[in-house]
PDB file of N, CA and C in Angstrom:
ATOM      1  N   MET A   1     176.435  49.259 -99.349  1.00  0.00           N
ATOM      2  CA  MET A   1     175.502  49.756-100.342  1.00  0.00           C
ATOM      3  C   MET A   1     175.278  51.247-100.078  1.00  0.00           C
ATOM      4  N   THR A   2     175.320  52.018-101.131  1.00  0.00           N
ATOM      5  CA  THR A   2     175.073  53.453-101.007  1.00  0.00           C
ATOM      6  C   THR A   2     173.598  53.744-101.269  1.00  0.00           C
ATOM      7  N   LEU A   3     173.174  54.949-100.935  1.00  0.00           N
ATOM      8  CA  LEU A   3     171.807  55.365-101.234  1.00  0.00           C
ATOM      9  C   LEU A   3     171.562  55.297-102.738  1.00  0.00           C
ATOM     10  N   ALA A   4     172.544  55.688-103.530  1.00  0.00           N
ATOM     11  CA  ALA A   4     172.397  55.634-104.991  1.00  0.00           C
ATOM     12  C   ALA A   4     172.185  54.197-105.470  1.00  0.00           C
ATOM     13  N   ASP A   5     172.917  53.239-104.883  1.00  0.00           N
ATOM     14  CA  ASP A   5     172.736  51.825-105.236  1.00  0.00           C
ATOM     15  C   ASP A   5     171.324  51.362-104.884  1.00  0.00           C
ATOM     16  N   HIS A   6     170.907  51.688-103.661  1.00  0.00           N
ATOM     17  CA  HIS A   6     169.587  51.286-103.162  1.00  0.00           C
ATOM     18  C   HIS A   6     168.493  51.892-104.045  1.00  0.00           C
ATOM     19  N   HIS A   7     168.588  53.178-104.307  1.00  0.00           N
ATOM     20  CA  HIS A   7     167.600  53.864-105.129  1.00  0.00           C
ATOM     21  C   HIS A   7     167.582  53.298-106.549  1.00  0.00           C
ATOM     22  N   GLY A   8     168.759  53.063-107.115  1.00  0.00           N
ATOM     23  CA  GLY A   8     168.843  52.522-108.468  1.00  0.00           C
ATOM     24  C   GLY A   8     168.193  51.158-108.595  1.00  0.00           C
ATOM     25  N   ALA A   9     168.424  50.313-107.595  1.00  0.00           N
ATOM     26  CA  ALA A   9     167.817  48.976-107.621  1.00  0.00           C
ATOM     27  C   ALA A   9     166.301  49.063-107.572  1.00  0.00           C
ATOM     28  N   LEU A  10     165.776  49.954-106.747  1.00  0.00           N
ATOM     29  CA  LEU A  10     164.324  50.067-106.612  1.00  0.00           C
ATOM     30  C   LEU A  10     163.690  50.842-107.760  1.00  0.00           C
ATOM     31  N   ALA A  11     164.419  51.793-108.303  1.00  0.00           N
ATOM     32  CA  ALA A  11     163.883  52.569-109.424  1.00  0.00           C
ATOM     33  C   ALA A  11     163.697  51.697-110.664  1.00  0.00           C
ATOM     34  N   SER A  12     164.456  50.608-110.749  1.00  0.00           N
ATOM     35  CA  SER A  12     164.337  49.721-111.905  1.00  0.00           C
ATOM     36  C   SER A  12     163.135  48.779-111.807  1.00  0.00           C
ATOM     37  N   VAL A  13     162.473  48.747-110.655  1.00  0.00           N
ATOM     38  CA  VAL A  13     161.295  47.905-110.459  1.00  0.00           C
ATOM     39  C   VAL A  13     160.067  48.733-110.822  1.00  0.00           C
ATOM     40  N   GLY A  14     159.235  48.192-111.694  1.00  0.00           N
ATOM     41  CA  GLY A  14     158.070  48.952-112.109  1.00  0.00           C
ATOM     42  C   GLY A  14     156.910  48.059-112.501  1.00  0.00           C
ATOM     43  N   LEU A  15     155.813  48.692-112.823  1.00  0.00           N
ATOM     44  CA  LEU A  15     154.624  47.979-113.262  1.00  0.00           C
ATOM     45  C   LEU A  15     154.703  47.770-114.768  1.00  0.00           C
ATOM     46  N   LYS A  16     154.171  46.646-115.235  1.00  0.00           N
ATOM     47  CA  LYS A  16     154.125  46.361-116.664  1.00  0.00           C
ATOM     48  C   LYS A  16     152.783  46.826-117.213  1.00  0.00           C
ATOM     49  N   GLY A  17     152.826  47.405-118.382  1.00  0.00           N
ATOM     50  CA  GLY A  17     151.582  47.802-119.038  1.00  0.00           C
ATOM     51  C   GLY A  17     150.901  48.954-118.334  1.00  0.00           C
ATOM     52  N   VAL A  18     149.607  49.056-118.573  1.00  0.00           N
ATOM     53  CA  VAL A  18     148.800  50.128-118.002  1.00  0.00           C
ATOM     54  C   VAL A  18     148.088  49.586-116.775  1.00  0.00           C
ATOM     55  N   ALA A  19     148.141  50.364-115.707  1.00  0.00           N
ATOM     56  CA  ALA A  19     147.462  49.974-114.466  1.00  0.00           C
ATOM     57  C   ALA A  19     146.555  51.117-114.038  1.00  0.00           C
ATOM     58  N   PRO A  20     145.472  50.799-113.334  1.00  0.00           N
ATOM     59  CA  PRO A  20     144.610  51.857-112.815  1.00  0.00           C
ATOM     60  C   PRO A  20     145.404  52.802-111.900  1.00  0.00           C
ATOM     61  N   ALA A  21     145.006  54.068-111.885  1.00  0.00           N
ATOM     62  CA  ALA A  21     145.706  55.083-111.090  1.00  0.00           C
ATOM     63  C   ALA A  21     145.830  54.663-109.632  1.00  0.00           C
ATOM     64  N   GLU A  22     144.800  54.041-109.100  1.00  0.00           N
ATOM     65  CA  GLU A  22     144.804  53.590-107.703  1.00  0.00           C
ATOM     66  C   GLU A  22     145.929  52.577-107.453  1.00  0.00           C
ATOM     67  N   VAL A  23     146.156  51.692-108.401  1.00  0.00           N
ATOM     68  CA  VAL A  23     147.207  50.684-108.284  1.00  0.00           C
ATOM     69  C   VAL A  23     148.580  51.347-108.410  1.00  0.00           C
ATOM     70  N   VAL A  24     148.715  52.269-109.350  1.00  0.00           N
ATOM     71  CA  VAL A  24     149.988  52.977-109.527  1.00  0.00           C
ATOM     72  C   VAL A  24     150.354  53.730-108.253  1.00  0.00           C
ATOM     73  N   LEU A  25     149.391  54.407-107.651  1.00  0.00           N
ATOM     74  CA  LEU A  25     149.652  55.141-106.401  1.00  0.00           C
ATOM     75  C   LEU A  25     150.070  54.194-105.281  1.00  0.00           C
ATOM     76  N   ALA A  26     149.389  53.069-105.160  1.00  0.00           N
ATOM     77  CA  ALA A  26     149.724  52.100-104.109  1.00  0.00           C
ATOM     78  C   ALA A  26     151.122  51.532-104.329  1.00  0.00           C
ATOM     79  N   PHE A  27     151.451  51.228-105.585  1.00  0.00           N
ATOM     80  CA  PHE A  27     152.776  50.699-105.910  1.00  0.00           C
ATOM     81  C   PHE A  27     153.858  51.728-105.604  1.00  0.00           C
ATOM     82  N   ASP A  28     153.634  52.974-106.027  1.00  0.00           N
ATOM     83  CA  ASP A  28     154.621  54.025-105.767  1.00  0.00           C
ATOM     84  C   ASP A  28     154.798  54.272-104.268  1.00  0.00           C
ATOM     85  N   ARG A  29     153.712  54.187-103.514  1.00  0.00           N
ATOM     86  CA  ARG A  29     153.799  54.354-102.064  1.00  0.00           C
ATOM     87  C   ARG A  29     154.682  53.273-101.454  1.00  0.00           C
ATOM     88  N   ALA A  30     154.499  52.041-101.898  1.00  0.00           N
ATOM     89  CA  ALA A  30     155.315  50.934-101.385  1.00  0.00           C
ATOM     90  C   ALA A  30     156.776  51.127-101.761  1.00  0.00           C
ATOM     91  N   ARG A  31     157.029  51.439-103.018  1.00  0.00           N
ATOM     92  CA  ARG A  31     158.409  51.608-103.473  1.00  0.00           C
ATOM     93  C   ARG A  31     159.082  52.777-102.757  1.00  0.00           C
ATOM     94  N   ASN A  32     158.393  53.892-102.609  1.00  0.00           N
ATOM     95  CA  ASN A  32     158.978  55.046-101.929  1.00  0.00           C
ATOM     96  C   ASN A  32     159.265  54.754-100.462  1.00  0.00           C
ATOM     97  N   THR A  33     158.380  54.017 -99.813  1.00  0.00           N
ATOM     98  CA  THR A  33     158.619  53.654 -98.416  1.00  0.00           C
ATOM     99  C   THR A  33     159.871  52.801 -98.292  1.00  0.00           C
ATOM    100  N   ILE A  34     160.056  51.869 -99.222  1.00  0.00           N
ATOM    101  CA  ILE A  34     161.247  51.019 -99.178  1.00  0.00           C
ATOM    102  C   ILE A  34     162.501  51.827 -99.508  1.00  0.00           C
ATOM    103  N   ILE A  35     162.386  52.814-100.369  1.00  0.00           N
ATOM    104  CA  ILE A  35     163.534  53.692-100.621  1.00  0.00           C
ATOM    105  C   ILE A  35     163.911  54.430 -99.341  1.00  0.00           C
ATOM    106  N   TYR A  36     162.934  54.983 -98.634  1.00  0.00           N
ATOM    107  CA  TYR A  36     163.215  55.711 -97.388  1.00  0.00           C
ATOM    108  C   TYR A  36     163.708  54.785 -96.286  1.00  0.00           C
ATOM    109  N   ALA A  37     163.445  53.499 -96.416  1.00  0.00           N
ATOM    110  CA  ALA A  37     163.929  52.538 -95.416  1.00  0.00           C
ATOM    111  C   ALA A  37     165.452  52.491 -95.374  1.00  0.00           C
ATOM    112  N   PHE A  38     166.109  53.038 -96.380  1.00  0.00           N
ATOM    113  CA  PHE A  38     167.561  53.146 -96.344  1.00  0.00           C
ATOM    114  C   PHE A  38     167.995  53.929 -95.098  1.00  0.00           C
ATOM    115  N   PHE A  39     167.172  54.889 -94.697  1.00  0.00           N
ATOM    116  CA  PHE A  39     167.490  55.740 -93.558  1.00  0.00           C
ATOM    117  C   PHE A  39     166.927  55.212 -92.245  1.00  0.00           C
ATOM    118  N   ASP A  40     165.857  54.425 -92.317  1.00  0.00           N
ATOM    119  CA  ASP A  40     165.214  53.890 -91.115  1.00  0.00           C
ATOM    120  C   ASP A  40     164.754  52.466 -91.414  1.00  0.00           C
ATOM    121  N   TYR A  41     165.533  51.503 -90.938  1.00  0.00           N
ATOM    122  CA  TYR A  41     165.314  50.096 -91.266  1.00  0.00           C
ATOM    123  C   TYR A  41     163.890  49.640 -90.962  1.00  0.00           C
ATOM    124  N   ASP A  42     163.273  50.196 -89.925  1.00  0.00           N
ATOM    125  CA  ASP A  42     161.908  49.793 -89.559  1.00  0.00           C
ATOM    126  C   ASP A  42     160.912  50.059 -90.687  1.00  0.00           C
ATOM    127  N   LEU A  43     161.224  50.957 -91.595  1.00  0.00           N
ATOM    128  CA  LEU A  43     160.314  51.246 -92.698  1.00  0.00           C
ATOM    129  C   LEU A  43     160.237  50.101 -93.709  1.00  0.00           C
ATOM    130  N   PHE A  44     161.182  49.169 -93.667  1.00  0.00           N
ATOM    131  CA  PHE A  44     161.080  48.008 -94.555  1.00  0.00           C
ATOM    132  C   PHE A  44     159.800  47.226 -94.284  1.00  0.00           C
ATOM    133  N   VAL A  45     159.439  47.079 -93.029  1.00  0.00           N
ATOM    134  CA  VAL A  45     158.207  46.366 -92.682  1.00  0.00           C
ATOM    135  C   VAL A  45     157.003  47.109 -93.238  1.00  0.00           C
ATOM    136  N   VAL A  46     156.979  48.417 -93.076  1.00  0.00           N
ATOM    137  CA  VAL A  46     155.887  49.234 -93.607  1.00  0.00           C
ATOM    138  C   VAL A  46     155.836  49.115 -95.129  1.00  0.00           C
ATOM    139  N   GLY A  47     156.998  49.162 -95.771  1.00  0.00           N
ATOM    140  CA  GLY A  47     157.057  49.031 -97.220  1.00  0.00           C
ATOM    141  C   GLY A  47     156.554  47.682 -97.705  1.00  0.00           C
ATOM    142  N   GLU A  48     156.892  46.627 -96.972  1.00  0.00           N
ATOM    143  CA  GLU A  48     156.413  45.291 -97.344  1.00  0.00           C
ATOM    144  C   GLU A  48     154.898  45.210 -97.248  1.00  0.00           C
ATOM    145  N   VAL A  49     154.338  45.764 -96.189  1.00  0.00           N
ATOM    146  CA  VAL A  49     152.878  45.764 -96.034  1.00  0.00           C
ATOM    147  C   VAL A  49     152.241  46.549 -97.183  1.00  0.00           C
ATOM    148  N   GLN A  50     152.836  47.685 -97.528  1.00  0.00           N
ATOM    149  CA  GLN A  50     152.323  48.481 -98.644  1.00  0.00           C
ATOM    150  C   GLN A  50     152.429  47.712 -99.963  1.00  0.00           C
ATOM    151  N   ALA A  51     153.512  46.965-100.143  1.00  0.00           N
ATOM    152  CA  ALA A  51     153.698  46.183-101.370  1.00  0.00           C
ATOM    153  C   ALA A  51     152.641  45.081-101.477  1.00  0.00           C
ATOM    154  N   PHE A  52     152.373  44.393-100.370  1.00  0.00           N
ATOM    155  CA  PHE A  52     151.323  43.363-100.393  1.00  0.00           C
ATOM    156  C   PHE A  52     149.969  43.987-100.695  1.00  0.00           C
ATOM    157  N   GLY A  53     149.710  45.164-100.126  1.00  0.00           N
ATOM    158  CA  GLY A  53     148.452  45.858-100.391  1.00  0.00           C
ATOM    159  C   GLY A  53     148.322  46.248-101.852  1.00  0.00           C
ATOM    160  N   ALA A  54     149.411  46.718-102.449  1.00  0.00           N
ATOM    161  CA  ALA A  54     149.391  47.094-103.861  1.00  0.00           C
ATOM    162  C   ALA A  54     149.156  45.860-104.741  1.00  0.00           C
ATOM    163  N   PHE A  55     149.796  44.754-104.388  1.00  0.00           N
ATOM    164  CA  PHE A  55     149.630  43.495-105.123  1.00  0.00           C
ATOM    165  C   PHE A  55     148.177  43.026-105.040  1.00  0.00           C
ATOM    166  N   GLU A  56     147.616  43.059-103.854  1.00  0.00           N
ATOM    167  CA  GLU A  56     146.226  42.646-103.657  1.00  0.00           C
ATOM    168  C   GLU A  56     145.282  43.545-104.462  1.00  0.00           C
ATOM    169  N   LEU A  57     145.510  44.848-104.408  1.00  0.00           N
ATOM    170  CA  LEU A  57     144.668  45.789-105.143  1.00  0.00           C
ATOM    171  C   LEU A  57     144.757  45.541-106.646  1.00  0.00           C
ATOM    172  N   ALA A  58     145.961  45.288-107.149  1.00  0.00           N
ATOM    173  CA  ALA A  58     146.145  45.010-108.576  1.00  0.00           C
ATOM    174  C   ALA A  58     145.384  43.740-108.982  1.00  0.00           C
ATOM    175  N   LEU A  59     145.460  42.703-108.141  1.00  0.00           N
ATOM    176  CA  LEU A  59     144.730  41.467-108.453  1.00  0.00           C
ATOM    177  C   LEU A  59     143.225  41.698-108.440  1.00  0.00           C
ATOM    178  N   LYS A  60     142.734  42.493-107.490  1.00  0.00           N
ATOM    179  CA  LYS A  60     141.292  42.789-107.445  1.00  0.00           C
ATOM    180  C   LYS A  60     140.858  43.499-108.719  1.00  0.00           C
ATOM    181  N   HIS A  61     141.650  44.471-109.155  1.00  0.00           N
ATOM    182  CA  HIS A  61     141.305  45.169-110.394  1.00  0.00           C
ATOM    183  C   HIS A  61     141.332  44.211-111.580  1.00  0.00           C
ATOM    184  N   ARG A  62     142.324  43.373-111.641  1.00  0.00           N
ATOM    185  CA  ARG A  62     142.474  42.458-112.786  1.00  0.00           C
ATOM    186  C   ARG A  62     141.385  41.391-112.802  1.00  0.00           C
ATOM    187  N   LEU A  63     141.065  40.848-111.634  1.00  0.00           N
ATOM    188  CA  LEU A  63     140.109  39.735-111.579  1.00  0.00           C
ATOM    189  C   LEU A  63     138.661  40.186-111.454  1.00  0.00           C
ATOM    190  N   ASN A  64     138.437  41.297-110.756  1.00  0.00           N
ATOM    191  CA  ASN A  64     137.068  41.748-110.491  1.00  0.00           C
ATOM    192  C   ASN A  64     136.665  42.949-111.338  1.00  0.00           C
ATOM    193  N   GLY A  65     137.645  43.562-112.005  1.00  0.00           N
ATOM    194  CA  GLY A  65     137.347  44.745-112.794  1.00  0.00           C
ATOM    195  C   GLY A  65     137.308  46.024-111.979  1.00  0.00           C
ATOM    196  N   HIS A  66     137.558  45.909-110.699  1.00  0.00           N
ATOM    197  CA  HIS A  66     137.594  47.078-109.811  1.00  0.00           C
ATOM    198  C   HIS A  66     138.383  46.707-108.572  1.00  0.00           C
ATOM    199  N   GLY A  67     138.756  47.706-107.811  1.00  0.00           N
ATOM    200  CA  GLY A  67     139.535  47.443-106.606  1.00  0.00           C
ATOM    201  C   GLY A  67     138.717  47.528-105.343  1.00  0.00           C
ATOM    202  N   GLY A  68     137.407  47.599-105.509  1.00  0.00           N
ATOM    203  CA  GLY A  68     136.511  47.793-104.372  1.00  0.00           C
ATOM    204  C   GLY A  68     136.732  46.855-103.211  1.00  0.00           C
ATOM    205  N   ALA A  69     135.841  46.921-102.281  1.00  0.00           N
ATOM    206  CA  ALA A  69     135.979  46.194-101.022  1.00  0.00           C
ATOM    207  C   ALA A  69     135.493  44.750-101.118  1.00  0.00           C
ATOM    208  N   ALA A  70     135.686  44.123-102.265  1.00  0.00           N
ATOM    209  CA  ALA A  70     135.288  42.719-102.386  1.00  0.00           C
ATOM    210  C   ALA A  70     135.994  41.902-101.313  1.00  0.00           C
ATOM    211  N   ARG A  71     135.242  41.088-100.628  1.00  0.00           N
ATOM    212  CA  ARG A  71     135.808  40.317 -99.516  1.00  0.00           C
ATOM    213  C   ARG A  71     136.494  39.061-100.052  1.00  0.00           C
ATOM    214  N   SER A  72     137.775  39.195-100.237  1.00  0.00           N
ATOM    215  CA  SER A  72     138.564  38.066-100.700  1.00  0.00           C
ATOM    216  C   SER A  72     139.959  38.216-100.130  1.00  0.00           C
ATOM    217  N   THR A  73     140.496  37.129 -99.644  1.00  0.00           N
ATOM    218  CA  THR A  73     141.840  37.188 -99.076  1.00  0.00           C
ATOM    219  C   THR A  73     142.866  37.196-100.201  1.00  0.00           C
ATOM    220  N   LEU A  74     144.064  37.629 -99.883  1.00  0.00           N
ATOM    221  CA  LEU A  74     145.141  37.606-100.863  1.00  0.00           C
ATOM    222  C   LEU A  74     145.380  36.179-101.339  1.00  0.00           C
ATOM    223  N   ARG A  75     145.302  35.215-100.439  1.00  0.00           N
ATOM    224  CA  ARG A  75     145.475  33.808-100.807  1.00  0.00           C
ATOM    225  C   ARG A  75     144.470  33.413-101.884  1.00  0.00           C
ATOM    226  N   ASN A  76     143.191  33.775-101.681  1.00  0.00           N
ATOM    227  CA  ASN A  76     142.151  33.435-102.661  1.00  0.00           C
ATOM    228  C   ASN A  76     142.396  34.146-103.987  1.00  0.00           C
ATOM    229  N   LEU A  77     142.827  35.401-103.924  1.00  0.00           N
ATOM    230  CA  LEU A  77     143.104  36.151-105.147  1.00  0.00           C
ATOM    231  C   LEU A  77     144.257  35.523-105.927  1.00  0.00           C
ATOM    232  N   VAL A  78     145.307  35.112-105.230  1.00  0.00           N
ATOM    233  CA  VAL A  78     146.445  34.459-105.901  1.00  0.00           C
ATOM    234  C   VAL A  78     145.993  33.155-106.544  1.00  0.00           C
ATOM    235  N   ASP A  79     145.213  32.361-105.826  1.00  0.00           N
ATOM    236  CA  ASP A  79     144.721  31.093-106.384  1.00  0.00           C
ATOM    237  C   ASP A  79     143.859  31.339-107.621  1.00  0.00           C
ATOM    238  N   ARG A  80     142.960  32.325-107.545  1.00  0.00           N
ATOM    239  CA  ARG A  80     142.109  32.657-108.692  1.00  0.00           C
ATOM    240  C   ARG A  80     142.945  33.157-109.857  1.00  0.00           C
ATOM    241  N   ALA A  81     143.959  33.974-109.570  1.00  0.00           N
ATOM    242  CA  ALA A  81     144.806  34.524-110.629  1.00  0.00           C
ATOM    243  C   ALA A  81     145.602  33.420-111.308  1.00  0.00           C
ATOM    244  N   ARG A  82     146.051  32.430-110.550  1.00  0.00           N
ATOM    245  CA  ARG A  82     146.768  31.295-111.152  1.00  0.00           C
ATOM    246  C   ARG A  82     145.823  30.505-112.064  1.00  0.00           C
ATOM    247  N   LYS A  83     144.600  30.256-111.604  1.00  0.00           N
ATOM    248  CA  LYS A  83     143.638  29.499-112.410  1.00  0.00           C
ATOM    249  C   LYS A  83     143.259  30.253-113.680  1.00  0.00           C
ATOM    250  N   ALA A  84     143.222  31.582-113.597  1.00  0.00           N
ATOM    251  CA  ALA A  84     142.851  32.400-114.753  1.00  0.00           C
ATOM    252  C   ALA A  84     144.033  32.661-115.687  1.00  0.00           C
ATOM    253  N   GLY A  85     145.234  32.232-115.293  1.00  0.00           N
ATOM    254  CA  GLY A  85     146.410  32.448-116.120  1.00  0.00           C
ATOM    255  C   GLY A  85     147.011  33.839-115.984  1.00  0.00           C
ATOM    256  N   VAL A  86     146.528  34.608-115.027  1.00  0.00           N
ATOM    257  CA  VAL A  86     147.071  35.946-114.772  1.00  0.00           C
ATOM    258  C   VAL A  86     148.443  35.833-114.120  1.00  0.00           C
ATOM    259  N   LEU A  87     148.599  34.861-113.244  1.00  0.00           N
ATOM    260  CA  LEU A  87     149.875  34.544-112.608  1.00  0.00           C
ATOM    261  C   LEU A  87     150.325  33.172-113.092  1.00  0.00           C
ATOM    262  N   PRO A  88     151.627  32.934-113.120  1.00  0.00           N
ATOM    263  CA  PRO A  88     152.100  31.619-113.558  1.00  0.00           C
ATOM    264  C   PRO A  88     151.677  30.518-112.596  1.00  0.00           C
ATOM    265  N   ALA A  89     151.632  29.298-113.111  1.00  0.00           N
ATOM    266  CA  ALA A  89     151.281  28.133-112.297  1.00  0.00           C
ATOM    267  C   ALA A  89     152.280  27.976-111.162  1.00  0.00           C
ATOM    268  N   LEU A  90     151.847  27.345-110.108  1.00  0.00           N
ATOM    269  CA  LEU A  90     152.687  27.106-108.939  1.00  0.00           C
ATOM    270  C   LEU A  90     153.915  26.297-109.333  1.00  0.00           C
ATOM    271  N   VAL A  91     155.076  26.740-108.894  1.00  0.00           N
ATOM    272  CA  VAL A  91     156.330  26.053-109.168  1.00  0.00           C
ATOM    273  C   VAL A  91     156.558  25.033-108.064  1.00  0.00           C
ATOM    274  N   SER A  92     156.717  23.774-108.431  1.00  0.00           N
ATOM    275  CA  SER A  92     156.958  22.716-107.445  1.00  0.00           C
ATOM    276  C   SER A  92     158.403  22.768-106.995  1.00  0.00           C
ATOM    277  N   GLY A  93     158.609  22.403-105.773  1.00  0.00           N
ATOM    278  CA  GLY A  93     159.967  22.365-105.251  1.00  0.00           C
ATOM    279  C   GLY A  93     159.958  21.845-103.830  1.00  0.00           C
ATOM    280  N   PRO A  94     161.130  21.775-103.233  1.00  0.00           N
ATOM    281  CA  PRO A  94     161.219  21.231-101.881  1.00  0.00           C
ATOM    282  C   PRO A  94     160.502  22.089-100.840  1.00  0.00           C
ATOM    283  N   THR A  95     160.360  23.387-101.121  1.00  0.00           N
ATOM    284  CA  THR A  95     159.659  24.267-100.196  1.00  0.00           C
ATOM    285  C   THR A  95     158.799  25.231-101.005  1.00  0.00           C
ATOM    286  N   THR A  96     157.902  25.934-100.325  1.00  0.00           N
ATOM    287  CA  THR A  96     157.094  26.928-101.021  1.00  0.00           C
ATOM    288  C   THR A  96     157.972  28.078-101.510  1.00  0.00           C
ATOM    289  N   LEU A  97     159.189  28.205-100.968  1.00  0.00           N
ATOM    290  CA  LEU A  97     160.071  29.274-101.408  1.00  0.00           C
ATOM    291  C   LEU A  97     160.608  29.037-102.816  1.00  0.00           C
ATOM    292  N   SER A  98     160.345  27.854-103.369  1.00  0.00           N
ATOM    293  CA  SER A  98     160.745  27.572-104.748  1.00  0.00           C
ATOM    294  C   SER A  98     159.907  28.385-105.736  1.00  0.00           C
ATOM    295  N   ASP A  99     158.735  28.819-105.312  1.00  0.00           N
ATOM    296  CA  ASP A  99     157.845  29.597-106.151  1.00  0.00           C
ATOM    297  C   ASP A  99     157.997  31.081-105.789  1.00  0.00           C
ATOM    298  N   PRO A 100     158.305  31.945-106.759  1.00  0.00           N
ATOM    299  CA  PRO A 100     158.549  33.349-106.418  1.00  0.00           C
ATOM    300  C   PRO A 100     157.343  34.058-105.807  1.00  0.00           C
ATOM    301  N   ILE A 101     156.153  33.680-106.175  1.00  0.00           N
ATOM    302  CA  ILE A 101     154.960  34.331-105.612  1.00  0.00           C
ATOM    303  C   ILE A 101     154.734  33.856-104.180  1.00  0.00           C
ATOM    304  N   GLU A 102     154.890  32.580-103.942  1.00  0.00           N
ATOM    305  CA  GLU A 102     154.734  32.052-102.589  1.00  0.00           C
ATOM    306  C   GLU A 102     155.835  32.565-101.658  1.00  0.00           C
ATOM    307  N   ALA A 103     157.020  32.749-102.209  1.00  0.00           N
ATOM    308  CA  ALA A 103     158.133  33.241-101.382  1.00  0.00           C
ATOM    309  C   ALA A 103     157.820  34.621-100.882  1.00  0.00           C
TER     310      ALA A 103
END
C-alpha cells in the first residue's frame, strides 16, 4: 500500500450531514492521526482512541444536545442511541463482531 492509497482510503471517510464544530475537529484529529500512522504504526492506537472520542462526543451532542461533561459511558450512549433510532438496532450473529458498531 502506498501513502496515496492510504490517504485516499481515509479521505473518503467523512461525517454525514452537519455536525457541531467540536465534533468535526475531533473527527479530523482522529482521521489525520490515522493518516500519519502510515509513517509510525504506533499512531494507529492514538488514532483509534481519538476516533472513539469523536464518536462519543458526536453521540453526546446528538442525544444530549451538547457535548459537555455529562457522565455517561460510551456503552450507555450506544445503547441510548440504538433505543432512540440514532444508531441501527443490534445485529444478531455468532459473535458481537457481527454488528459493525460492536466490532
